[in-house]
Amino acid sequence: MKTNPSKFLCCLVAAVIFTSCEKELTNMKPVEQKIVVTSFISPSDPKIKVRLSLSYPFYGSDNTTANLNLKYATVLISDGNTQKQLAWNPQLRDFELDQSDFPISTGKTYALQVKTTDGKQISAQTSIPNPVINPSFNFIEFKQTAKRTIETFRFQFTDDGTQINYYRLYLNAERYAQFQSTPVASGSEELYLGPDIEFSGSLFDRILEFNYYSNVDPSTYTNKYTAYFISCSEEYYKFHKSNPSTDSDPLRGNAVNPYSNIEGGLGIFAGYN
């Protein structure tokens, strides 16, 4: 058998290099897990909800037991005058409080405090902005090409001009086949606005285009459109801008460094209207 000496030499050198690069890491200390909060409060929600979890370290053991023990934490919310404790909901695995016991009101600032059984404490605060003034949503036109569907809408509202405001405009579209009660397709578009310097105290007027792939005959389906006008706190705006996720839990998104306003922990406590 004939051997290629140059190929053998390359393989030998590579083996030596990779072997020499191996180094056992010692004295590695596990990264301390932090409490993660997810909570958005609004006058329009029947309940105040707070979800707790633990951050996941890059190395070290995943302390599942500690994660489960978070249900024994003390979760408090305050408006500066009244303080209430949220109760653990074992079905939803979060902490809840009915607004009939503690109403969330426009213009107020709320503080959240969490204390775990092992002594960890975190806190955060947020405010509830004024609702959107004179919201208006209109369907403009529908265009169907061979492979694309283009729908155009107009969002309008009036900025109050008395303070810096942050907004989220959200459009949800659902497509229904004839005689079907469940949508066969759905999609969404959203737009974040803030601070509102460019249109402070004036009418905001913006065209939003919904463009998606489709080769279905328009006469065979109907569409349902729902528009949301959200006036949000600065914390809400910064968090969603840094973490564009469509997941039901925004902290499961793909953001590299999402905004957090939790003192002593991670996550978000934010208000909206």
C-alpha atoms as a PDB file:
ATOM      1  CA  MET A   1       0.000   0.000   0.000  1.00  0.00           C
ATOM      2  CA  LYS A   2       1.315   3.404  -0.907  1.00  0.00           C
ATOM      3  CA  THR A   3       1.126   6.160   1.716  1.00  0.00           C
ATOM      4  CA  ASN A   4       0.885   9.879   1.018  1.00  0.00           C
ATOM      5  CA  PRO A   5       3.527  11.334   3.368  1.00  0.00           C
ATOM      6  CA  SER A   6       2.272  14.933   3.115  1.00  0.00           C
ATOM      7  CA  LYS A   7      -1.310  13.976   4.070  1.00  0.00           C
ATOM      8  CA  PHE A   8      -0.044  11.840   6.966  1.00  0.00           C
ATOM      9  CA  LEU A   9       2.126  14.706   8.233  1.00  0.00           C
ATOM     10  CA  CYS A  10      -0.809  17.161   8.161  1.00  0.00           C
ATOM     11  CA  CYS A  11      -2.989  14.763  10.134  1.00  0.00           C
ATOM     12  CA  LEU A  12      -0.236  14.192  12.687  1.00  0.00           C
ATOM     13  CA  VAL A  13       0.343  17.944  13.166  1.00  0.00           C
ATOM     14  CA  ALA A  14      -3.396  18.594  13.549  1.00  0.00           C
ATOM     15  CA  ALA A  15      -3.686  15.859  16.153  1.00  0.00           C
ATOM     16  CA  VAL A  16      -0.804  17.324  18.143  1.00  0.00           C
ATOM     17  CA  ILE A  17      -2.277  20.856  17.967  1.00  0.00           C
ATOM     18  CA  PHE A  18      -5.762  19.838  19.099  1.00  0.00           C
ATOM     19  CA  THR A  19      -4.331  17.671  21.876  1.00  0.00           C
ATOM     20  CA  SER A  20      -2.163  20.510  23.134  1.00  0.00           C
ATOM     21  CA  CYS A  21      -5.172  22.912  23.105  1.00  0.00           C
ATOM     22  CA  GLU A  22      -7.164  20.783  25.534  1.00  0.00           C
ATOM     23  CA  LYS A  23      -7.227  22.274  29.017  1.00  0.00           C
ATOM     24  CA  GLU A  24      -9.272  21.187  31.963  1.00  0.00           C
ATOM     25  CA  LEU A  25     -11.192  24.073  33.527  1.00  0.00           C
ATOM     26  CA  THR A  26     -10.948  24.111  37.290  1.00  0.00           C
ATOM     27  CA  ASN A  27     -12.371  26.237  40.109  1.00  0.00           C
ATOM     28  CA  MET A  28     -15.496  27.072  38.074  1.00  0.00           C
ATOM     29  CA  LYS A  29     -18.168  28.614  40.292  1.00  0.00           C
ATOM     30  CA  PRO A  30     -21.827  28.248  39.279  1.00  0.00           C
ATOM     31  CA  VAL A  31     -23.476  31.499  38.248  1.00  0.00           C
ATOM     32  CA  GLU A  32     -26.066  32.570  40.810  1.00  0.00           C
ATOM     33  CA  GLN A  33     -29.582  32.229  39.481  1.00  0.00           C
ATOM     34  CA  LYS A  34     -31.684  35.368  39.567  1.00  0.00           C
ATOM     35  CA  ILE A  35     -35.427  35.760  39.942  1.00  0.00           C
ATOM     36  CA  VAL A  36     -37.155  36.617  36.662  1.00  0.00           C
ATOM     37  CA  VAL A  37     -40.432  38.583  36.708  1.00  0.00           C
ATOM     38  CA  THR A  38     -43.054  38.890  33.967  1.00  0.00           C
ATOM     39  CA  SER A  39     -45.949  41.211  34.780  1.00  0.00           C
ATOM     40  CA  PHE A  40     -48.001  43.671  32.725  1.00  0.00           C
ATOM     41  CA  ILE A  41     -50.779  45.547  34.552  1.00  0.00           C
ATOM     42  CA  SER A  42     -53.669  47.519  33.092  1.00  0.00           C
ATOM     43  CA  PRO A  43     -57.067  48.921  34.169  1.00  0.00           C
ATOM     44  CA  SER A  44     -58.629  46.738  31.443  1.00  0.00           C
ATOM     45  CA  ASP A  45     -57.428  43.425  32.915  1.00  0.00           C
ATOM     46  CA  PRO A  46     -59.701  41.721  35.484  1.00  0.00           C
ATOM     47  CA  LYS A  47     -56.702  40.335  37.355  1.00  0.00           C
ATOM     48  CA  ILE A  48     -53.205  41.447  38.292  1.00  0.00           C
ATOM     49  CA  LYS A  49     -50.812  38.647  37.338  1.00  0.00           C
ATOM     50  CA  VAL A  50     -47.162  38.109  38.218  1.00  0.00           C
ATOM     51  CA  ARG A  51     -45.127  35.173  36.919  1.00  0.00           C
ATOM     52  CA  LEU A  52     -41.851  34.200  38.585  1.00  0.00           C
ATOM     53  CA  SER A  53     -39.050  31.986  37.314  1.00  0.00           C
ATOM     54  CA  LEU A  54     -35.295  31.625  37.667  1.00  0.00           C
ATOM     55  CA  SER A  55     -32.637  32.602  35.173  1.00  0.00           C
ATOM     56  CA  TYR A  56     -30.772  29.712  33.568  1.00  0.00           C
ATOM     57  CA  PRO A  57     -26.955  29.755  34.059  1.00  0.00           C
ATOM     58  CA  PHE A  58     -24.586  28.963  31.187  1.00  0.00           C
ATOM     59  CA  TYR A  59     -22.991  26.312  33.377  1.00  0.00           C
ATOM     60  CA  GLY A  60     -23.796  24.731  36.684  1.00  0.00           C
ATOM     61  CA  SER A  61     -26.792  22.648  37.729  1.00  0.00           C
ATOM     62  CA  ASP A  62     -30.350  23.629  36.871  1.00  0.00           C
ATOM     63  CA  ASN A  63     -31.951  24.011  40.285  1.00  0.00           C
ATOM     64  CA  THR A  64     -35.438  22.772  39.446  1.00  0.00           C
ATOM     65  CA  THR A  65     -36.361  22.425  43.099  1.00  0.00           C
ATOM     66  CA  ALA A  66     -35.612  26.095  43.720  1.00  0.00           C
ATOM     67  CA  ASN A  67     -37.753  27.002  40.707  1.00  0.00           C
ATOM     68  CA  LEU A  68     -40.704  25.113  42.164  1.00  0.00           C
ATOM     69  CA  ASN A  69     -40.160  26.730  45.557  1.00  0.00           C
ATOM     70  CA  LEU A  70     -40.912  30.142  44.052  1.00  0.00           C
ATOM     71  CA  LYS A  71     -44.603  29.402  44.641  1.00  0.00           C
ATOM     72  CA  TYR A  72     -43.924  30.046  48.335  1.00  0.00           C
ATOM     73  CA  ALA A  73     -42.659  33.579  47.634  1.00  0.00           C
ATOM     74  CA  THR A  74     -44.394  36.638  49.062  1.00  0.00           C
ATOM     75  CA  VAL A  75     -45.573  38.912  46.228  1.00  0.00           C
ATOM     76  CA  LEU A  76     -46.849  42.388  47.157  1.00  0.00           C
ATOM     77  CA  ILE A  77     -48.222  45.278  45.102  1.00  0.00           C
ATOM     78  CA  SER A  78     -48.685  48.821  46.393  1.00  0.00           C
ATOM     79  CA  ASP A  79     -50.024  52.142  45.113  1.00  0.00           C
ATOM     80  CA  GLY A  80     -48.309  54.154  47.835  1.00  0.00           C
ATOM     81  CA  ASN A  81     -51.303  54.035  50.168  1.00  0.00           C
ATOM     82  CA  THR A  82     -52.597  50.463  50.030  1.00  0.00           C
ATOM     83  CA  GLN A  83     -50.623  47.236  49.819  1.00  0.00           C
ATOM     84  CA  LYS A  84     -52.032  43.828  48.838  1.00  0.00           C
ATOM     85  CA  GLN A  85     -50.565  40.328  48.585  1.00  0.00           C
ATOM     86  CA  LEU A  86     -51.048  38.208  45.455  1.00  0.00           C
ATOM     87  CA  ALA A  87     -52.094  34.572  45.836  1.00  0.00           C
ATOM     88  CA  TRP A  88     -50.490  31.570  44.115  1.00  0.00           C
ATOM     89  CA  ASN A  89     -52.590  29.991  41.331  1.00  0.00           C
ATOM     90  CA  PRO A  90     -51.527  26.318  41.025  1.00  0.00           C
ATOM     91  CA  GLN A  91     -53.291  25.847  37.663  1.00  0.00           C
ATOM     92  CA  LEU A  92     -51.655  28.788  35.884  1.00  0.00           C
ATOM     93  CA  ARG A  93     -48.516  28.740  38.061  1.00  0.00           C
ATOM     94  CA  ASP A  94     -48.511  32.450  38.655  1.00  0.00           C
ATOM     95  CA  PHE A  95     -49.533  34.905  41.371  1.00  0.00           C
ATOM     96  CA  GLU A  96     -52.871  36.684  40.995  1.00  0.00           C
ATOM     97  CA  LEU A  97     -55.047  39.366  42.576  1.00  0.00           C
ATOM     98  CA  ASP A  98     -58.550  40.412  41.506  1.00  0.00           C
ATOM     99  CA  GLN A  99     -58.908  44.060  40.596  1.00  0.00           C
ATOM    100  CA  SER A 100     -62.095  44.083  42.642  1.00  0.00           C
ATOM    101  CA  ASP A 101     -59.750  43.901  45.661  1.00  0.00           C
ATOM    102  CA  PHE A 102     -57.083  46.235  44.271  1.00  0.00           C
ATOM    103  CA  PRO A 103     -58.063  48.320  41.213  1.00  0.00           C
ATOM    104  CA  ILE A 104     -55.405  49.520  38.765  1.00  0.00           C
ATOM    105  CA  SER A 105     -56.078  53.167  37.915  1.00  0.00           C
ATOM    106  CA  THR A 106     -54.876  55.579  35.241  1.00  0.00           C
ATOM    107  CA  GLY A 107     -52.222  58.026  36.404  1.00  0.00           C
ATOM    108  CA  LYS A 108     -51.078  56.029  39.412  1.00  0.00           C
ATOM    109  CA  THR A 109     -47.637  54.565  40.087  1.00  0.00           C
ATOM    110  CA  TYR A 110     -47.421  51.006  41.388  1.00  0.00           C
ATOM    111  CA  ALA A 111     -44.606  49.197  43.198  1.00  0.00           C
ATOM    112  CA  LEU A 112     -43.973  45.455  43.138  1.00  0.00           C
ATOM    113  CA  GLN A 113     -42.037  43.612  45.841  1.00  0.00           C
ATOM    114  CA  VAL A 114     -41.088  39.936  45.902  1.00  0.00           C
ATOM    115  CA  LYS A 115     -39.401  38.042  48.732  1.00  0.00           C
ATOM    116  CA  THR A 116     -38.492  34.356  48.461  1.00  0.00           C
ATOM    117  CA  THR A 117     -38.148  31.806  51.227  1.00  0.00           C
ATOM    118  CA  ASP A 118     -34.345  31.844  50.902  1.00  0.00           C
ATOM    119  CA  GLY A 119     -34.191  35.589  51.535  1.00  0.00           C
ATOM    120  CA  LYS A 120     -33.919  36.970  47.991  1.00  0.00           C
ATOM    121  CA  GLN A 121     -35.719  40.275  47.465  1.00  0.00           C
ATOM    122  CA  ILE A 122     -36.533  42.154  44.266  1.00  0.00           C
ATOM    123  CA  SER A 123     -38.564  45.249  43.472  1.00  0.00           C
ATOM    124  CA  ALA A 124     -39.843  47.322  40.559  1.00  0.00           C
ATOM    125  CA  GLN A 125     -42.272  50.101  39.762  1.00  0.00           C
ATOM    126  CA  THR A 126     -44.305  51.375  36.833  1.00  0.00           C
ATOM    127  CA  SER A 127     -47.072  53.862  36.033  1.00  0.00           C
ATOM    128  CA  ILE A 128     -50.355  53.620  34.141  1.00  0.00           C
ATOM    129  CA  PRO A 129     -50.546  56.159  31.271  1.00  0.00           C
ATOM    130  CA  ASN A 130     -53.680  57.874  29.973  1.00  0.00           C
ATOM    131  CA  PRO A 131     -55.698  55.914  27.404  1.00  0.00           C
ATOM    132  CA  VAL A 132     -55.376  56.650  23.687  1.00  0.00           C
ATOM    133  CA  ILE A 133     -57.462  59.664  22.590  1.00  0.00           C
ATOM    134  CA  ASN A 134     -59.946  59.298  19.710  1.00  0.00           C
ATOM    135  CA  PRO A 135     -58.608  56.069  18.187  1.00  0.00           C
ATOM    136  CA  SER A 136     -59.753  55.388  14.630  1.00  0.00           C
ATOM    137  CA  PHE A 137     -59.099  52.296  12.517  1.00  0.00           C
ATOM    138  CA  ASN A 138     -60.210  51.924   8.909  1.00  0.00           C
ATOM    139  CA  PHE A 139     -59.811  49.367   6.172  1.00  0.00           C
ATOM    140  CA  ILE A 140     -58.641  51.130   2.980  1.00  0.00           C
ATOM    141  CA  GLU A 141     -58.177  48.589   0.234  1.00  0.00           C
ATOM    142  CA  PHE A 142     -57.612  44.965  -0.681  1.00  0.00           C
ATOM    143  CA  LYS A 143     -55.366  43.846  -3.547  1.00  0.00           C
ATOM    144  CA  GLN A 144     -54.978  40.273  -4.763  1.00  0.00           C
ATOM    145  CA  THR A 145     -52.193  39.331  -7.154  1.00  0.00           C
ATOM    146  CA  ALA A 146     -51.264  35.879  -8.436  1.00  0.00           C
ATOM    147  CA  LYS A 147     -49.384  34.987  -5.252  1.00  0.00           C
ATOM    148  CA  ARG A 148     -49.727  37.912  -2.856  1.00  0.00           C
ATOM    149  CA  THR A 149     -52.453  39.492  -0.786  1.00  0.00           C
ATOM    150  CA  ILE A 150     -51.993  43.160   0.151  1.00  0.00           C
ATOM    151  CA  GLU A 151     -54.359  44.839   2.588  1.00  0.00           C
ATOM    152  CA  THR A 152     -54.016  48.475   3.664  1.00  0.00           C
ATOM    153  CA  PHE A 153     -55.300  50.077   6.878  1.00  0.00           C
ATOM    154  CA  ARG A 154     -55.226  53.506   8.518  1.00  0.00           C
ATOM    155  CA  PHE A 155     -54.514  54.128  12.190  1.00  0.00           C
ATOM    156  CA  GLN A 156     -55.366  57.533  13.643  1.00  0.00           C
ATOM    157  CA  PHE A 157     -55.403  58.981  17.151  1.00  0.00           C
ATOM    158  CA  THR A 158     -54.702  62.271  18.923  1.00  0.00           C
ATOM    159  CA  ASP A 159     -51.708  62.738  21.204  1.00  0.00           C
ATOM    160  CA  ASP A 160     -52.533  64.709  24.366  1.00  0.00           C
ATOM    161  CA  GLY A 161     -49.325  66.795  24.162  1.00  0.00           C
ATOM    162  CA  THR A 162     -49.039  67.190  27.948  1.00  0.00           C
ATOM    163  CA  GLN A 163     -46.334  64.566  28.486  1.00  0.00           C
ATOM    164  CA  ILE A 164     -44.019  62.175  26.679  1.00  0.00           C
ATOM    165  CA  ASN A 165     -46.097  59.206  25.542  1.00  0.00           C
ATOM    166  CA  TYR A 166     -45.362  55.731  24.258  1.00  0.00           C
ATOM    167  CA  TYR A 167     -47.680  53.715  22.039  1.00  0.00           C
ATOM    168  CA  ARG A 168     -48.103  50.282  20.527  1.00  0.00           C
ATOM    169  CA  LEU A 169     -50.376  49.778  17.518  1.00  0.00           C
ATOM    170  CA  TYR A 170     -51.281  46.158  16.889  1.00  0.00           C
ATOM    171  CA  LEU A 171     -53.246  44.613  14.025  1.00  0.00           C
ATOM    172  CA  ASN A 172     -54.459  41.013  14.022  1.00  0.00           C
ATOM    173  CA  ALA A 173     -55.926  39.424  10.862  1.00  0.00           C
ATOM    174  CA  GLU A 174     -57.808  36.133  10.660  1.00  0.00           C
ATOM    175  CA  ARG A 175     -58.928  34.340   7.510  1.00  0.00           C
ATOM    176  CA  TYR A 176     -62.046  32.160   7.504  1.00  0.00           C
ATOM    177  CA  ALA A 177     -63.159  29.686   4.872  1.00  0.00           C
ATOM    178  CA  GLN A 178     -66.848  29.533   4.016  1.00  0.00           C
ATOM    179  CA  PHE A 179     -69.002  27.917   6.712  1.00  0.00           C
ATOM    180  CA  GLN A 180     -66.007  27.557   9.062  1.00  0.00           C
ATOM    181  CA  SER A 181     -65.848  29.056  12.577  1.00  0.00           C
ATOM    182  CA  THR A 182     -62.112  28.438  13.050  1.00  0.00           C
ATOM    183  CA  PRO A 183     -59.626  30.585  11.113  1.00  0.00           C
ATOM    184  CA  VAL A 184     -57.594  28.770   8.469  1.00  0.00           C
ATOM    185  CA  ALA A 185     -54.832  31.389   8.676  1.00  0.00           C
ATOM    186  CA  SER A 186     -53.867  34.340  10.834  1.00  0.00           C
ATOM    187  CA  GLY A 187     -51.155  36.957  11.150  1.00  0.00           C
ATOM    188  CA  SER A 188     -50.275  40.197  12.852  1.00  0.00           C
ATOM    189  CA  GLU A 189     -48.420  43.461  12.368  1.00  0.00           C
ATOM    190  CA  GLU A 190     -47.369  45.936  15.032  1.00  0.00           C
ATOM    191  CA  LEU A 191     -45.824  49.371  15.321  1.00  0.00           C
ATOM    192  CA  TYR A 192     -44.137  50.975  18.334  1.00  0.00           C
ATOM    193  CA  LEU A 193     -44.117  54.747  18.732  1.00  0.00           C
ATOM    194  CA  GLY A 194     -42.125  56.703  21.277  1.00  0.00           C
ATOM    195  CA  PRO A 195     -41.171  59.113  22.492  1.00  0.00           C
ATOM    196  CA  ASP A 196     -43.871  61.058  20.637  1.00  0.00           C
ATOM    197  CA  ILE A 197     -41.824  64.190  19.895  1.00  0.00           C
ATOM    198  CA  GLU A 198     -42.586  64.191  16.167  1.00  0.00           C
ATOM    199  CA  PHE A 199     -46.366  64.323  16.632  1.00  0.00           C
ATOM    200  CA  SER A 200     -46.720  65.626  20.210  1.00  0.00           C
ATOM    201  CA  GLY A 201     -50.100  67.264  20.730  1.00  0.00           C
ATOM    202  CA  SER A 202     -51.280  66.559  17.187  1.00  0.00           C
ATOM    203  CA  LEU A 203     -53.069  63.955  15.085  1.00  0.00           C
ATOM    204  CA  PHE A 204     -51.152  60.770  14.381  1.00  0.00           C
ATOM    205  CA  ASP A 205     -52.053  59.384  10.959  1.00  0.00           C
ATOM    206  CA  ARG A 206     -50.285  56.301   9.640  1.00  0.00           C
ATOM    207  CA  ILE A 207     -50.946  53.779   6.878  1.00  0.00           C
ATOM    208  CA  LEU A 208     -50.122  50.178   7.780  1.00  0.00           C
ATOM    209  CA  GLU A 209     -49.797  47.553   5.069  1.00  0.00           C
ATOM    210  CA  PHE A 210     -50.480  43.878   5.691  1.00  0.00           C
ATOM    211  CA  ASN A 211     -48.695  41.813   3.039  1.00  0.00           C
ATOM    212  CA  TYR A 212     -48.616  38.023   2.917  1.00  0.00           C
ATOM    213  CA  TYR A 213     -48.341  35.087   0.549  1.00  0.00           C
ATOM    214  CA  SER A 214     -51.649  33.770  -0.785  1.00  0.00           C
ATOM    215  CA  ASN A 215     -53.010  32.330  -4.008  1.00  0.00           C
ATOM    216  CA  VAL A 216     -56.543  31.745  -2.725  1.00  0.00           C
ATOM    217  CA  ASP A 217     -59.545  33.174  -4.566  1.00  0.00           C
ATOM    218  CA  PRO A 218     -60.782  36.094  -2.353  1.00  0.00           C
ATOM    219  CA  SER A 219     -64.408  35.092  -2.950  1.00  0.00           C
ATOM    220  CA  THR A 220     -63.891  31.819  -1.063  1.00  0.00           C
ATOM    221  CA  TYR A 221     -63.032  33.339   2.340  1.00  0.00           C
ATOM    222  CA  THR A 222     -63.716  36.255   4.651  1.00  0.00           C
ATOM    223  CA  ASN A 223     -61.291  38.197   6.823  1.00  0.00           C
ATOM    224  CA  LYS A 224     -61.674  39.511  10.341  1.00  0.00           C
ATOM    225  CA  TYR A 225     -59.467  42.398  11.481  1.00  0.00           C
ATOM    226  CA  THR A 226     -58.882  43.534  15.044  1.00  0.00           C
ATOM    227  CA  ALA A 227     -56.914  46.669  15.912  1.00  0.00           C
ATOM    228  CA  TYR A 228     -55.450  47.492  19.317  1.00  0.00           C
ATOM    229  CA  PHE A 229     -54.415  50.993  20.381  1.00  0.00           C
ATOM    230  CA  ILE A 230     -52.143  50.663  23.410  1.00  0.00           C
ATOM    231  CA  SER A 231     -50.828  53.557  25.455  1.00  0.00           C
ATOM    232  CA  CYS A 232     -47.922  52.129  27.430  1.00  0.00           C
ATOM    233  CA  SER A 233     -45.377  53.022  30.071  1.00  0.00           C
ATOM    234  CA  GLU A 234     -41.760  53.675  29.161  1.00  0.00           C
ATOM    235  CA  GLU A 235     -40.863  50.295  30.687  1.00  0.00           C
ATOM    236  CA  TYR A 236     -43.376  48.473  28.466  1.00  0.00           C
ATOM    237  CA  TYR A 237     -42.060  50.255  25.371  1.00  0.00           C
ATOM    238  CA  LYS A 238     -38.365  49.622  26.091  1.00  0.00           C
ATOM    239  CA  PHE A 239     -38.916  45.970  26.947  1.00  0.00           C
ATOM    240  CA  HIS A 240     -40.871  45.104  23.798  1.00  0.00           C
ATOM    241  CA  LYS A 241     -38.515  47.099  21.574  1.00  0.00           C
ATOM    242  CA  SER A 242     -35.554  45.143  22.952  1.00  0.00           C
ATOM    243  CA  ASN A 243     -37.325  41.793  22.833  1.00  0.00           C
ATOM    244  CA  PRO A 244     -39.489  41.396  19.691  1.00  0.00           C
ATOM    245  CA  SER A 245     -41.146  38.074  20.474  1.00  0.00           C
ATOM    246  CA  THR A 246     -44.537  36.720  19.460  1.00  0.00           C
ATOM    247  CA  ASP A 247     -44.449  34.071  22.166  1.00  0.00           C
ATOM    248  CA  SER A 248     -47.084  34.185  24.886  1.00  0.00           C
ATOM    249  CA  ASP A 249     -44.215  34.589  27.335  1.00  0.00           C
ATOM    250  CA  PRO A 250     -42.079  37.458  25.994  1.00  0.00           C
ATOM    251  CA  LEU A 251     -39.084  36.386  28.040  1.00  0.00           C
ATOM    252  CA  ARG A 252     -38.856  33.267  25.871  1.00  0.00           C
ATOM    253  CA  GLY A 253     -37.915  35.397  22.855  1.00  0.00           C
ATOM    254  CA  ASN A 254     -34.544  35.594  21.122  1.00  0.00           C
ATOM    255  CA  ALA A 255     -33.379  38.944  22.479  1.00  0.00           C
ATOM    256  CA  VAL A 256     -29.680  39.053  23.355  1.00  0.00           C
ATOM    257  CA  ASN A 257     -30.011  41.685  26.075  1.00  0.00           C
ATOM    258  CA  PRO A 258     -33.660  42.499  26.817  1.00  0.00           C
ATOM    259  CA  TYR A 259     -34.500  45.584  28.851  1.00  0.00           C
ATOM    260  CA  SER A 260     -35.245  44.949  32.523  1.00  0.00           C
ATOM    261  CA  ASN A 261     -36.538  47.239  35.284  1.00  0.00           C
ATOM    262  CA  ILE A 262     -36.346  44.651  38.094  1.00  0.00           C
ATOM    263  CA  GLU A 263     -34.068  45.743  40.944  1.00  0.00           C
ATOM    264  CA  GLY A 264     -32.147  42.730  42.187  1.00  0.00           C
ATOM    265  CA  GLY A 265     -33.425  40.451  39.424  1.00  0.00           C
ATOM    266  CA  LEU A 266     -34.423  40.291  35.768  1.00  0.00           C
ATOM    267  CA  GLY A 267     -37.582  40.761  33.730  1.00  0.00           C
ATOM    268  CA  ILE A 268     -40.318  43.338  33.415  1.00  0.00           C
ATOM    269  CA  PHE A 269     -43.050  44.997  35.478  1.00  0.00           C
ATOM    270  CA  ALA A 270     -44.887  47.442  33.219  1.00  0.00           C
ATOM    271  CA  GLY A 271     -48.195  49.248  32.829  1.00  0.00           C
ATOM    272  CA  TYR A 272     -50.416  49.950  29.823  1.00  0.00           C
ATOM    273  CA  ASN A 273     -53.863  51.270  28.980  1.00  0.00           C
END
